[in-house]
Amino acid sequence: MFIIHLGALSSSGEGAFLFEIKYPQKTYLCRFEFTHFTMTVADLKPKEKGILNAYSSSRIAAKFSLLGILPGSEIQVIRIAPFGGGYYIKVDGHNFALRKSEAEALFLAQND
């Protein structure tokens, strides 16, 4: 499997991601456009949920796409380590541990 990334988040919080995920049997072409994000996973409190909408960089997009953490995934914060430590999250029924910098790089959809 590999990913081709063709976009990124600008300093104003606007941009688009276009990438291709290839498996031996199937290929997915994904495009995500966004205008402004203010909430990240790091802003959630324990037991709060959000829907992943975008990544902050192509490196983050590649890493979390390979783990199956894709835009549209529901993310719930289970626990936050003390003193600005890591985040223990649940994504679509699977548990992950994130660094604070990674939690800040995952943008959530705004609630309307």
PDB file of N, CA and C in Angstrom:
ATOM      1  N   MET A   1       0.843  -1.167   0.000  1.00  0.00           N
ATOM      2  CA  MET A   1       0.000   0.000   0.000  1.00  0.00           C
ATOM      3  C   MET A   1       0.891   1.233   0.000  1.00  0.00           C
ATOM      4  N   PHE A   2       0.498   2.261  -0.744  1.00  0.00           N
ATOM      5  CA  PHE A   2       1.207   3.525  -0.682  1.00  0.00           C
ATOM      6  C   PHE A   2       0.251   4.672  -0.917  1.00  0.00           C
ATOM      7  N   ILE A   3       0.693   5.861  -0.523  1.00  0.00           N
ATOM      8  CA  ILE A   3      -0.138   7.057  -0.607  1.00  0.00           C
ATOM      9  C   ILE A   3       0.599   8.111  -1.418  1.00  0.00           C
ATOM     10  N   ILE A   4      -0.111   8.751  -2.308  1.00  0.00           N
ATOM     11  CA  ILE A   4       0.420   9.900  -3.037  1.00  0.00           C
ATOM     12  C   ILE A   4      -0.343  11.108  -2.535  1.00  0.00           C
ATOM     13  N   HIS A   5       0.359  12.050  -1.943  1.00  0.00           N
ATOM     14  CA  HIS A   5      -0.288  13.229  -1.374  1.00  0.00           C
ATOM     15  C   HIS A   5      -0.022  14.438  -2.257  1.00  0.00           C
ATOM     16  N   LEU A   6      -1.054  15.223  -2.534  1.00  0.00           N
ATOM     17  CA  LEU A   6      -0.923  16.355  -3.446  1.00  0.00           C
ATOM     18  C   LEU A   6      -1.466  17.649  -2.872  1.00  0.00           C
ATOM     19  N   GLY A   7      -1.451  17.851  -1.585  1.00  0.00           N
ATOM     20  CA  GLY A   7      -1.968  19.089  -1.015  1.00  0.00           C
ATOM     21  C   GLY A   7      -1.599  19.205   0.438  1.00  0.00           C
ATOM     22  N   ALA A   8      -1.864  20.364   1.022  1.00  0.00           N
ATOM     23  CA  ALA A   8      -1.507  20.580   2.421  1.00  0.00           C
ATOM     24  C   ALA A   8      -2.325  21.703   3.012  1.00  0.00           C
ATOM     25  N   LEU A   9      -2.217  21.856   4.310  1.00  0.00           N
ATOM     26  CA  LEU A   9      -2.893  22.912   5.050  1.00  0.00           C
ATOM     27  C   LEU A   9      -2.044  24.175   4.976  1.00  0.00           C
ATOM     28  N   SER A  10      -2.652  25.278   4.655  1.00  0.00           N
ATOM     29  CA  SER A  10      -1.918  26.548   4.612  1.00  0.00           C
ATOM     30  C   SER A  10      -1.872  27.157   6.003  1.00  0.00           C
ATOM     31  N   SER A  11      -1.093  28.206   6.162  1.00  0.00           N
ATOM     32  CA  SER A  11      -0.975  28.844   7.474  1.00  0.00           C
ATOM     33  C   SER A  11      -2.289  29.496   7.906  1.00  0.00           C
ATOM     34  N   SER A  12      -3.180  29.779   6.950  1.00  0.00           N
ATOM     35  CA  SER A  12      -4.475  30.377   7.298  1.00  0.00           C
ATOM     36  C   SER A  12      -5.504  29.328   7.700  1.00  0.00           C
ATOM     37  N   GLY A  13      -5.135  28.034   7.609  1.00  0.00           N
ATOM     38  CA  GLY A  13      -6.068  26.976   7.965  1.00  0.00           C
ATOM     39  C   GLY A  13      -6.957  26.564   6.813  1.00  0.00           C
ATOM     40  N   GLU A  14      -6.567  26.894   5.580  1.00  0.00           N
ATOM     41  CA  GLU A  14      -7.352  26.530   4.407  1.00  0.00           C
ATOM     42  C   GLU A  14      -6.507  25.654   3.497  1.00  0.00           C
ATOM     43  N   GLY A  15      -7.163  24.850   2.672  1.00  0.00           N
ATOM     44  CA  GLY A  15      -6.424  24.036   1.729  1.00  0.00           C
ATOM     45  C   GLY A  15      -7.211  22.829   1.289  1.00  0.00           C
ATOM     46  N   ALA A  16      -6.495  21.860   0.742  1.00  0.00           N
ATOM     47  CA  ALA A  16      -7.131  20.637   0.275  1.00  0.00           C
ATOM     48  C   ALA A  16      -6.120  19.504   0.311  1.00  0.00           C
ATOM     49  N   PHE A  17      -6.608  18.309   0.519  1.00  0.00           N
ATOM     50  CA  PHE A  17      -5.800  17.111   0.417  1.00  0.00           C
ATOM     51  C   PHE A  17      -6.350  16.280  -0.721  1.00  0.00           C
ATOM     52  N   LEU A  18      -5.474  15.792  -1.547  1.00  0.00           N
ATOM     53  CA  LEU A  18      -5.849  14.844  -2.582  1.00  0.00           C
ATOM     54  C   LEU A  18      -4.821  13.735  -2.503  1.00  0.00           C
ATOM     55  N   PHE A  19      -5.260  12.543  -2.179  1.00  0.00           N
ATOM     56  CA  PHE A  19      -4.302  11.452  -2.121  1.00  0.00           C
ATOM     57  C   PHE A  19      -4.948  10.152  -2.559  1.00  0.00           C
ATOM     58  N   GLU A  20      -4.078   9.229  -2.918  1.00  0.00           N
ATOM     59  CA  GLU A  20      -4.498   7.945  -3.441  1.00  0.00           C
ATOM     60  C   GLU A  20      -3.966   6.872  -2.511  1.00  0.00           C
ATOM     61  N   ILE A  21      -4.833   5.954  -2.115  1.00  0.00           N
ATOM     62  CA  ILE A  21      -4.434   4.822  -1.286  1.00  0.00           C
ATOM     63  C   ILE A  21      -4.612   3.581  -2.155  1.00  0.00           C
ATOM     64  N   LYS A  22      -3.516   2.850  -2.360  1.00  0.00           N
ATOM     65  CA  LYS A  22      -3.569   1.671  -3.235  1.00  0.00           C
ATOM     66  C   LYS A  22      -3.368   0.395  -2.432  1.00  0.00           C
ATOM     67  N   TYR A  23      -4.300  -0.509  -2.585  1.00  0.00           N
ATOM     68  CA  TYR A  23      -4.198  -1.854  -2.065  1.00  0.00           C
ATOM     69  C   TYR A  23      -4.098  -2.787  -3.273  1.00  0.00           C
ATOM     70  N   PRO A  24      -3.671  -4.031  -3.091  1.00  0.00           N
ATOM     71  CA  PRO A  24      -3.588  -4.930  -4.246  1.00  0.00           C
ATOM     72  C   PRO A  24      -4.918  -5.110  -4.989  1.00  0.00           C
ATOM     73  N   GLN A  25      -6.043  -5.125  -4.259  1.00  0.00           N
ATOM     74  CA  GLN A  25      -7.330  -5.371  -4.894  1.00  0.00           C
ATOM     75  C   GLN A  25      -8.100  -4.100  -5.231  1.00  0.00           C
ATOM     76  N   LYS A  26      -7.790  -2.980  -4.578  1.00  0.00           N
ATOM     77  CA  LYS A  26      -8.625  -1.794  -4.728  1.00  0.00           C
ATOM     78  C   LYS A  26      -7.814  -0.519  -4.547  1.00  0.00           C
ATOM     79  N   THR A  27      -8.231   0.540  -5.224  1.00  0.00           N
ATOM     80  CA  THR A  27      -7.591   1.845  -5.088  1.00  0.00           C
ATOM     81  C   THR A  27      -8.634   2.857  -4.652  1.00  0.00           C
ATOM     82  N   TYR A  28      -8.274   3.694  -3.680  1.00  0.00           N
ATOM     83  CA  TYR A  28      -9.153   4.752  -3.205  1.00  0.00           C
ATOM     84  C   TYR A  28      -8.523   6.099  -3.540  1.00  0.00           C
ATOM     85  N   LEU A  29      -9.295   6.978  -4.154  1.00  0.00           N
ATOM     86  CA  LEU A  29      -8.853   8.341  -4.399  1.00  0.00           C
ATOM     87  C   LEU A  29      -9.644   9.232  -3.453  1.00  0.00           C
ATOM     88  N   CYS A  30      -8.952   9.931  -2.588  1.00  0.00           N
ATOM     89  CA  CYS A  30      -9.602  10.736  -1.565  1.00  0.00           C
ATOM     90  C   CYS A  30      -9.292  12.209  -1.776  1.00  0.00           C
ATOM     91  N   ARG A  31     -10.304  13.047  -1.667  1.00  0.00           N
ATOM     92  CA  ARG A  31     -10.122  14.498  -1.766  1.00  0.00           C
ATOM     93  C   ARG A  31     -10.873  15.147  -0.616  1.00  0.00           C
ATOM     94  N   PHE A  32     -10.172  15.984   0.115  1.00  0.00           N
ATOM     95  CA  PHE A  32     -10.756  16.687   1.249  1.00  0.00           C
ATOM     96  C   PHE A  32     -10.429  18.165   1.118  1.00  0.00           C
ATOM     97  N   GLU A  33     -11.458  18.985   1.069  1.00  0.00           N
ATOM     98  CA  GLU A  33     -11.278  20.427   1.008  1.00  0.00           C
ATOM     99  C   GLU A  33     -11.801  21.027   2.306  1.00  0.00           C
ATOM    100  N   PHE A  34     -11.155  22.084   2.751  1.00  0.00           N
ATOM    101  CA  PHE A  34     -11.571  22.697   3.990  1.00  0.00           C
ATOM    102  C   PHE A  34     -11.228  24.177   3.974  1.00  0.00           C
ATOM    103  N   THR A  35     -11.934  24.917   4.804  1.00  0.00           N
ATOM    104  CA  THR A  35     -11.727  26.360   4.840  1.00  0.00           C
ATOM    105  C   THR A  35     -11.085  26.830   6.130  1.00  0.00           C
ATOM    106  N   HIS A  36     -11.557  26.383   7.280  1.00  0.00           N
ATOM    107  CA  HIS A  36     -10.947  26.834   8.530  1.00  0.00           C
ATOM    108  C   HIS A  36     -11.296  25.862   9.652  1.00  0.00           C
ATOM    109  N   PHE A  37     -10.298  25.531  10.424  1.00  0.00           N
ATOM    110  CA  PHE A  37     -10.509  24.636  11.548  1.00  0.00           C
ATOM    111  C   PHE A  37      -9.986  25.290  12.809  1.00  0.00           C
ATOM    112  N   THR A  38     -10.729  25.160  13.854  1.00  0.00           N
ATOM    113  CA  THR A  38     -10.288  25.714  15.125  1.00  0.00           C
ATOM    114  C   THR A  38     -10.169  24.637  16.189  1.00  0.00           C
ATOM    115  N   MET A  39     -10.800  23.499  16.011  1.00  0.00           N
ATOM    116  CA  MET A  39     -10.790  22.467  17.042  1.00  0.00           C
ATOM    117  C   MET A  39      -9.946  21.275  16.605  1.00  0.00           C
ATOM    118  N   THR A  40      -9.113  20.805  17.528  1.00  0.00           N
ATOM    119  CA  THR A  40      -8.300  19.620  17.275  1.00  0.00           C
ATOM    120  C   THR A  40      -8.627  18.566  18.322  1.00  0.00           C
ATOM    121  N   VAL A  41      -8.068  17.390  18.158  1.00  0.00           N
ATOM    122  CA  VAL A  41      -8.255  16.327  19.148  1.00  0.00           C
ATOM    123  C   VAL A  41      -7.722  16.788  20.501  1.00  0.00           C
ATOM    124  N   ALA A  42      -6.661  17.591  20.513  1.00  0.00           N
ATOM    125  CA  ALA A  42      -6.085  18.082  21.772  1.00  0.00           C
ATOM    126  C   ALA A  42      -7.044  18.988  22.538  1.00  0.00           C
ATOM    127  N   ASP A  43      -8.066  19.519  21.868  1.00  0.00           N
ATOM    128  CA  ASP A  43      -9.043  20.378  22.530  1.00  0.00           C
ATOM    129  C   ASP A  43     -10.160  19.596  23.217  1.00  0.00           C
ATOM    130  N   LEU A  44     -10.262  18.308  22.919  1.00  0.00           N
ATOM    131  CA  LEU A  44     -11.309  17.482  23.536  1.00  0.00           C
ATOM    132  C   LEU A  44     -10.925  17.121  24.967  1.00  0.00           C
ATOM    133  N   LYS A  45     -11.926  16.987  25.790  1.00  0.00           N
ATOM    134  CA  LYS A  45     -11.743  16.518  27.166  1.00  0.00           C
ATOM    135  C   LYS A  45     -12.063  15.017  27.195  1.00  0.00           C
ATOM    136  N   PRO A  46     -11.631  14.308  28.238  1.00  0.00           N
ATOM    137  CA  PRO A  46     -11.953  12.886  28.313  1.00  0.00           C
ATOM    138  C   PRO A  46     -13.453  12.621  28.169  1.00  0.00           C
ATOM    139  N   LYS A  47     -13.777  11.610  27.413  1.00  0.00           N
ATOM    140  CA  LYS A  47     -15.132  11.152  27.091  1.00  0.00           C
ATOM    141  C   LYS A  47     -15.819  11.985  26.011  1.00  0.00           C
ATOM    142  N   GLU A  48     -15.207  13.076  25.541  1.00  0.00           N
ATOM    143  CA  GLU A  48     -15.781  13.859  24.440  1.00  0.00           C
ATOM    144  C   GLU A  48     -15.399  13.228  23.108  1.00  0.00           C
ATOM    145  N   LYS A  49     -16.268  13.446  22.120  1.00  0.00           N
ATOM    146  CA  LYS A  49     -16.070  12.866  20.786  1.00  0.00           C
ATOM    147  C   LYS A  49     -16.041  13.958  19.728  1.00  0.00           C
ATOM    148  N   GLY A  50     -15.432  13.623  18.602  1.00  0.00           N
ATOM    149  CA  GLY A  50     -15.421  14.503  17.449  1.00  0.00           C
ATOM    150  C   GLY A  50     -15.215  13.688  16.185  1.00  0.00           C
ATOM    151  N   ILE A  51     -15.474  14.300  15.054  1.00  0.00           N
ATOM    152  CA  ILE A  51     -15.299  13.645  13.756  1.00  0.00           C
ATOM    153  C   ILE A  51     -14.063  14.235  13.093  1.00  0.00           C
ATOM    154  N   LEU A  52     -13.113  13.371  12.728  1.00  0.00           N
ATOM    155  CA  LEU A  52     -11.887  13.818  12.069  1.00  0.00           C
ATOM    156  C   LEU A  52     -12.228  14.391  10.704  1.00  0.00           C
ATOM    157  N   ASN A  53     -11.700  15.564  10.426  1.00  0.00           N
ATOM    158  CA  ASN A  53     -11.999  16.220   9.157  1.00  0.00           C
ATOM    159  C   ASN A  53     -10.764  16.461   8.312  1.00  0.00           C
ATOM    160  N   ALA A  54      -9.589  16.665   8.917  1.00  0.00           N
ATOM    161  CA  ALA A  54      -8.376  16.950   8.136  1.00  0.00           C
ATOM    162  C   ALA A  54      -7.143  16.733   8.993  1.00  0.00           C
ATOM    163  N   TYR A  55      -6.003  16.665   8.300  1.00  0.00           N
ATOM    164  CA  TYR A  55      -4.688  16.545   8.932  1.00  0.00           C
ATOM    165  C   TYR A  55      -3.921  17.844   8.698  1.00  0.00           C
ATOM    166  N   SER A  56      -2.914  18.089   9.515  1.00  0.00           N
ATOM    167  CA  SER A  56      -2.148  19.328   9.378  1.00  0.00           C
ATOM    168  C   SER A  56      -1.037  19.247   8.345  1.00  0.00           C
ATOM    169  N   SER A  57      -0.596  18.047   7.968  1.00  0.00           N
ATOM    170  CA  SER A  57       0.504  17.917   7.008  1.00  0.00           C
ATOM    171  C   SER A  57       0.418  16.581   6.288  1.00  0.00           C
ATOM    172  N   SER A  58       1.205  16.462   5.241  1.00  0.00           N
ATOM    173  CA  SER A  58       1.217  15.211   4.487  1.00  0.00           C
ATOM    174  C   SER A  58       1.835  14.081   5.308  1.00  0.00           C
ATOM    175  N   ARG A  59       2.799  14.401   6.165  1.00  0.00           N
ATOM    176  CA  ARG A  59       3.413  13.379   7.018  1.00  0.00           C
ATOM    177  C   ARG A  59       2.381  12.796   7.979  1.00  0.00           C
ATOM    178  N   ILE A  60       1.594  13.660   8.587  1.00  0.00           N
ATOM    179  CA  ILE A  60       0.539  13.218   9.496  1.00  0.00           C
ATOM    180  C   ILE A  60      -0.526  12.442   8.726  1.00  0.00           C
ATOM    181  N   ALA A  61      -0.897  12.929   7.541  1.00  0.00           N
ATOM    182  CA  ALA A  61      -1.897  12.246   6.713  1.00  0.00           C
ATOM    183  C   ALA A  61      -1.444  10.835   6.368  1.00  0.00           C
ATOM    184  N   ALA A  62      -0.196  10.693   5.981  1.00  0.00           N
ATOM    185  CA  ALA A  62       0.324   9.370   5.625  1.00  0.00           C
ATOM    186  C   ALA A  62       0.327   8.434   6.826  1.00  0.00           C
ATOM    187  N   LYS A  63       0.801   8.928   7.959  1.00  0.00           N
ATOM    188  CA  LYS A  63       0.890   8.091   9.157  1.00  0.00           C
ATOM    189  C   LYS A  63      -0.479   7.597   9.612  1.00  0.00           C
ATOM    190  N   PHE A  64      -1.434   8.512   9.747  1.00  0.00           N
ATOM    191  CA  PHE A  64      -2.731   8.120  10.286  1.00  0.00           C
ATOM    192  C   PHE A  64      -3.609   7.408   9.261  1.00  0.00           C
ATOM    193  N   SER A  65      -3.419   7.668   7.993  1.00  0.00           N
ATOM    194  CA  SER A  65      -4.146   6.919   6.968  1.00  0.00           C
ATOM    195  C   SER A  65      -3.739   5.451   6.987  1.00  0.00           C
ATOM    196  N   LEU A  66      -2.452   5.201   7.176  1.00  0.00           N
ATOM    197  CA  LEU A  66      -1.977   3.821   7.255  1.00  0.00           C
ATOM    198  C   LEU A  66      -2.538   3.093   8.476  1.00  0.00           C
ATOM    199  N   LEU A  67      -2.804   3.830   9.538  1.00  0.00           N
ATOM    200  CA  LEU A  67      -3.393   3.236  10.744  1.00  0.00           C
ATOM    201  C   LEU A  67      -4.909   3.080  10.634  1.00  0.00           C
ATOM    202  N   GLY A  68      -5.498   3.627   9.560  1.00  0.00           N
ATOM    203  CA  GLY A  68      -6.945   3.547   9.390  1.00  0.00           C
ATOM    204  C   GLY A  68      -7.698   4.690  10.030  1.00  0.00           C
ATOM    205  N   ILE A  69      -6.977   5.722  10.458  1.00  0.00           N
ATOM    206  CA  ILE A  69      -7.618   6.901  11.042  1.00  0.00           C
ATOM    207  C   ILE A  69      -7.812   7.895   9.903  1.00  0.00           C
ATOM    208  N   LEU A  70      -8.979   7.828   9.279  1.00  0.00           N
ATOM    209  CA  LEU A  70      -9.284   8.604   8.079  1.00  0.00           C
ATOM    210  C   LEU A  70     -10.307   9.690   8.371  1.00  0.00           C
ATOM    211  N   PRO A  71     -10.324  10.749   7.569  1.00  0.00           N
ATOM    212  CA  PRO A  71     -11.387  11.751   7.729  1.00  0.00           C
ATOM    213  C   PRO A  71     -12.755  11.083   7.701  1.00  0.00           C
ATOM    214  N   GLY A  72     -13.603  11.498   8.622  1.00  0.00           N
ATOM    215  CA  GLY A  72     -14.911  10.882   8.797  1.00  0.00           C
ATOM    216  C   GLY A  72     -14.945   9.920   9.971  1.00  0.00           C
ATOM    217  N   SER A  73     -13.769   9.555  10.487  1.00  0.00           N
ATOM    218  CA  SER A  73     -13.690   8.657  11.643  1.00  0.00           C
ATOM    219  C   SER A  73     -14.117   9.386  12.910  1.00  0.00           C
ATOM    220  N   GLU A  74     -14.836   8.670  13.770  1.00  0.00           N
ATOM    221  CA  GLU A  74     -15.215   9.236  15.064  1.00  0.00           C
ATOM    222  C   GLU A  74     -14.079   8.999  16.054  1.00  0.00           C
ATOM    223  N   ILE A  75     -13.660  10.067  16.719  1.00  0.00           N
ATOM    224  CA  ILE A  75     -12.566  10.001  17.691  1.00  0.00           C
ATOM    225  C   ILE A  75     -13.104  10.368  19.061  1.00  0.00           C
ATOM    226  N   GLN A  76     -12.810   9.522  20.051  1.00  0.00           N
ATOM    227  CA  GLN A  76     -13.183   9.799  21.433  1.00  0.00           C
ATOM    228  C   GLN A  76     -11.914   9.796  22.285  1.00  0.00           C
ATOM    229  N   VAL A  77     -11.743  10.821  23.087  1.00  0.00           N
ATOM    230  CA  VAL A  77     -10.621  10.871  24.017  1.00  0.00           C
ATOM    231  C   VAL A  77     -10.995  10.038  25.243  1.00  0.00           C
ATOM    232  N   ILE A  78     -10.184   9.045  25.542  1.00  0.00           N
ATOM    233  CA  ILE A  78     -10.420   8.179  26.694  1.00  0.00           C
ATOM    234  C   ILE A  78      -9.722   8.761  27.924  1.00  0.00           C
ATOM    235  N   ARG A  79      -8.459   9.137  27.755  1.00  0.00           N
ATOM    236  CA  ARG A  79      -7.652   9.609  28.882  1.00  0.00           C
ATOM    237  C   ARG A  79      -6.576  10.550  28.368  1.00  0.00           C
ATOM    238  N   ILE A  80      -6.202  11.534  29.179  1.00  0.00           N
ATOM    239  CA  ILE A  80      -5.105  12.444  28.858  1.00  0.00           C
ATOM    240  C   ILE A  80      -4.065  12.311  29.970  1.00  0.00           C
ATOM    241  N   ALA A  81      -2.822  12.095  29.576  1.00  0.00           N
ATOM    242  CA  ALA A  81      -1.749  11.970  30.569  1.00  0.00           C
ATOM    243  C   ALA A  81      -1.508  13.318  31.249  1.00  0.00           C
ATOM    244  N   PRO A  82      -1.118  13.299  32.506  1.00  0.00           N
ATOM    245  CA  PRO A  82      -0.874  14.562  33.221  1.00  0.00           C
ATOM    246  C   PRO A  82       0.362  15.294  32.700  1.00  0.00           C
ATOM    247  N   PHE A  83       0.434  16.569  33.032  1.00  0.00           N
ATOM    248  CA  PHE A  83       1.575  17.423  32.713  1.00  0.00           C
ATOM    249  C   PHE A  83       1.827  17.542  31.205  1.00  0.00           C
ATOM    250  N   GLY A  84       0.755  17.659  30.422  1.00  0.00           N
ATOM    251  CA  GLY A  84       0.894  17.852  28.980  1.00  0.00           C
ATOM    252  C   GLY A  84       1.392  16.638  28.230  1.00  0.00           C
ATOM    253  N   GLY A  85       1.094  15.471  28.758  1.00  0.00           N
ATOM    254  CA  GLY A  85       1.553  14.230  28.129  1.00  0.00           C
ATOM    255  C   GLY A  85       0.677  13.805  26.971  1.00  0.00           C
ATOM    256  N   GLY A  86       0.637  12.524  26.729  1.00  0.00           N
ATOM    257  CA  GLY A  86      -0.062  11.980  25.581  1.00  0.00           C
ATOM    258  C   GLY A  86      -1.557  11.832  25.766  1.00  0.00           C
ATOM    259  N   TYR A  87      -2.198  11.382  24.690  1.00  0.00           N
ATOM    260  CA  TYR A  87      -3.644  11.188  24.637  1.00  0.00           C
ATOM    261  C   TYR A  87      -3.923   9.735  24.319  1.00  0.00           C
ATOM    262  N   TYR A  88      -4.855   9.151  25.039  1.00  0.00           N
ATOM    263  CA  TYR A  88      -5.318   7.798  24.766  1.00  0.00           C
ATOM    264  C   TYR A  88      -6.699   7.955  24.135  1.00  0.00           C
ATOM    265  N   ILE A  89      -6.831   7.528  22.878  1.00  0.00           N
ATOM    266  CA  ILE A  89      -8.072   7.765  22.139  1.00  0.00           C
ATOM    267  C   ILE A  89      -8.656   6.466  21.604  1.00  0.00           C
ATOM    268  N   LYS A  90      -9.938   6.523  21.276  1.00  0.00           N
ATOM    269  CA  LYS A  90     -10.627   5.410  20.619  1.00  0.00           C
ATOM    270  C   LYS A  90     -11.119   5.930  19.282  1.00  0.00           C
ATOM    271  N   VAL A  91     -10.763   5.214  18.211  1.00  0.00           N
ATOM    272  CA  VAL A  91     -11.164   5.594  16.855  1.00  0.00           C
ATOM    273  C   VAL A  91     -11.857   4.405  16.217  1.00  0.00           C
ATOM    274  N   ASP A  92     -13.141   4.569  15.954  1.00  0.00           N
ATOM    275  CA  ASP A  92     -13.933   3.506  15.320  1.00  0.00           C
ATOM    276  C   ASP A  92     -13.719   2.147  15.988  1.00  0.00           C
ATOM    277  N   GLY A  93     -13.694   2.145  17.331  1.00  0.00           N
ATOM    278  CA  GLY A  93     -13.592   0.894  18.078  1.00  0.00           C
ATOM    279  C   GLY A  93     -12.178   0.419  18.362  1.00  0.00           C
ATOM    280  N   HIS A  94     -11.156   1.134  17.895  1.00  0.00           N
ATOM    281  CA  HIS A  94      -9.758   0.753  18.124  1.00  0.00           C
ATOM    282  C   HIS A  94      -9.084   1.813  18.986  1.00  0.00           C
ATOM    283  N   ASN A  95      -8.226   1.376  19.906  1.00  0.00           N
ATOM    284  CA  ASN A  95      -7.546   2.293  20.822  1.00  0.00           C
ATOM    285  C   ASN A  95      -6.149   2.644  20.312  1.00  0.00           C
ATOM    286  N   PHE A  96      -5.777   3.915  20.496  1.00  0.00           N
ATOM    287  CA  PHE A  96      -4.467   4.421  20.082  1.00  0.00           C
ATOM    288  C   PHE A  96      -3.938   5.359  21.149  1.00  0.00           C
ATOM    289  N   ALA A  97      -2.616   5.466  21.227  1.00  0.00           N
ATOM    290  CA  ALA A  97      -1.966   6.464  22.072  1.00  0.00           C
ATOM    291  C   ALA A  97      -1.302   7.484  21.145  1.00  0.00           C
ATOM    292  N   LEU A  98      -1.507   8.767  21.421  1.00  0.00           N
ATOM    293  CA  LEU A  98      -0.951   9.835  20.594  1.00  0.00           C
ATOM    294  C   LEU A  98      -0.081  10.759  21.423  1.00  0.00           C
ATOM    295  N   ARG A  99       0.933  11.302  20.790  1.00  0.00           N
ATOM    296  CA  ARG A  99       1.687  12.404  21.396  1.00  0.00           C
ATOM    297  C   ARG A  99       0.801  13.647  21.348  1.00  0.00           C
ATOM    298  N   LYS A 100       1.098  14.613  22.195  1.00  0.00           N
ATOM    299  CA  LYS A 100       0.327  15.856  22.188  1.00  0.00           C
ATOM    300  C   LYS A 100       0.427  16.538  20.823  1.00  0.00           C
ATOM    301  N   SER A 101       1.610  16.537  20.218  1.00  0.00           N
ATOM    302  CA  SER A 101       1.794  17.168  18.902  1.00  0.00           C
ATOM    303  C   SER A 101       0.947  16.492  17.826  1.00  0.00           C
ATOM    304  N   GLU A 102       0.755  15.180  17.927  1.00  0.00           N
ATOM    305  CA  GLU A 102      -0.090  14.463  16.967  1.00  0.00           C
ATOM    306  C   GLU A 102      -1.562  14.805  17.188  1.00  0.00           C
ATOM    307  N   ALA A 103      -1.978  14.905  18.453  1.00  0.00           N
ATOM    308  CA  ALA A 103      -3.370  15.273  18.760  1.00  0.00           C
ATOM    309  C   ALA A 103      -3.682  16.675  18.238  1.00  0.00           C
ATOM    310  N   GLU A 104      -2.703  17.563  18.285  1.00  0.00           N
ATOM    311  CA  GLU A 104      -2.892  18.939  17.787  1.00  0.00           C
ATOM    312  C   GLU A 104      -2.912  18.997  16.267  1.00  0.00           C
ATOM    313  N   ALA A 105      -2.463  17.936  15.589  1.00  0.00           N
ATOM    314  CA  ALA A 105      -2.406  17.901  14.136  1.00  0.00           C
ATOM    315  C   ALA A 105      -3.634  17.266  13.488  1.00  0.00           C
ATOM    316  N   LEU A 106      -4.584  16.798  14.294  1.00  0.00           N
ATOM    317  CA  LEU A 106      -5.798  16.169  13.785  1.00  0.00           C
ATOM    318  C   LEU A 106      -6.965  17.148  13.981  1.00  0.00           C
ATOM    319  N   PHE A 107      -7.443  17.708  12.882  1.00  0.00           N
ATOM    320  CA  PHE A 107      -8.517  18.708  12.933  1.00  0.00           C
ATOM    321  C   PHE A 107      -9.883  18.045  12.888  1.00  0.00           C
ATOM    322  N   LEU A 108     -10.793  18.550  13.701  1.00  0.00           N
ATOM    323  CA  LEU A 108     -12.140  17.984  13.810  1.00  0.00           C
ATOM    324  C   LEU A 108     -13.137  18.839  13.058  1.00  0.00           C
ATOM    325  N   ALA A 109     -14.225  18.212  12.616  1.00  0.00           N
ATOM    326  CA  ALA A 109     -15.315  18.938  11.953  1.00  0.00           C
ATOM    327  C   ALA A 109     -15.989  19.836  12.960  1.00  0.00           C
ATOM    328  N   GLN A 110     -16.404  20.981  12.495  1.00  0.00           N
ATOM    329  CA  GLN A 110     -17.121  21.908  13.378  1.00  0.00           C
ATOM    330  C   GLN A 110     -18.544  21.446  13.551  1.00  0.00           C
ATOM    331  N   ASN A 111     -19.042  21.530  14.774  1.00  0.00           N
ATOM    332  CA  ASN A 111     -20.433  21.162  15.054  1.00  0.00           C
ATOM    333  C   ASN A 111     -21.334  22.306  14.651  1.00  0.00           C
ATOM    334  N   ASP A 112     -22.366  22.007  13.860  1.00  0.00           N
ATOM    335  CA  ASP A 112     -23.316  23.034  13.428  1.00  0.00           C
ATOM    336  C   ASP A 112     -24.561  23.036  14.291  1.00  0.00           C
TER     337      ASP A 112
END
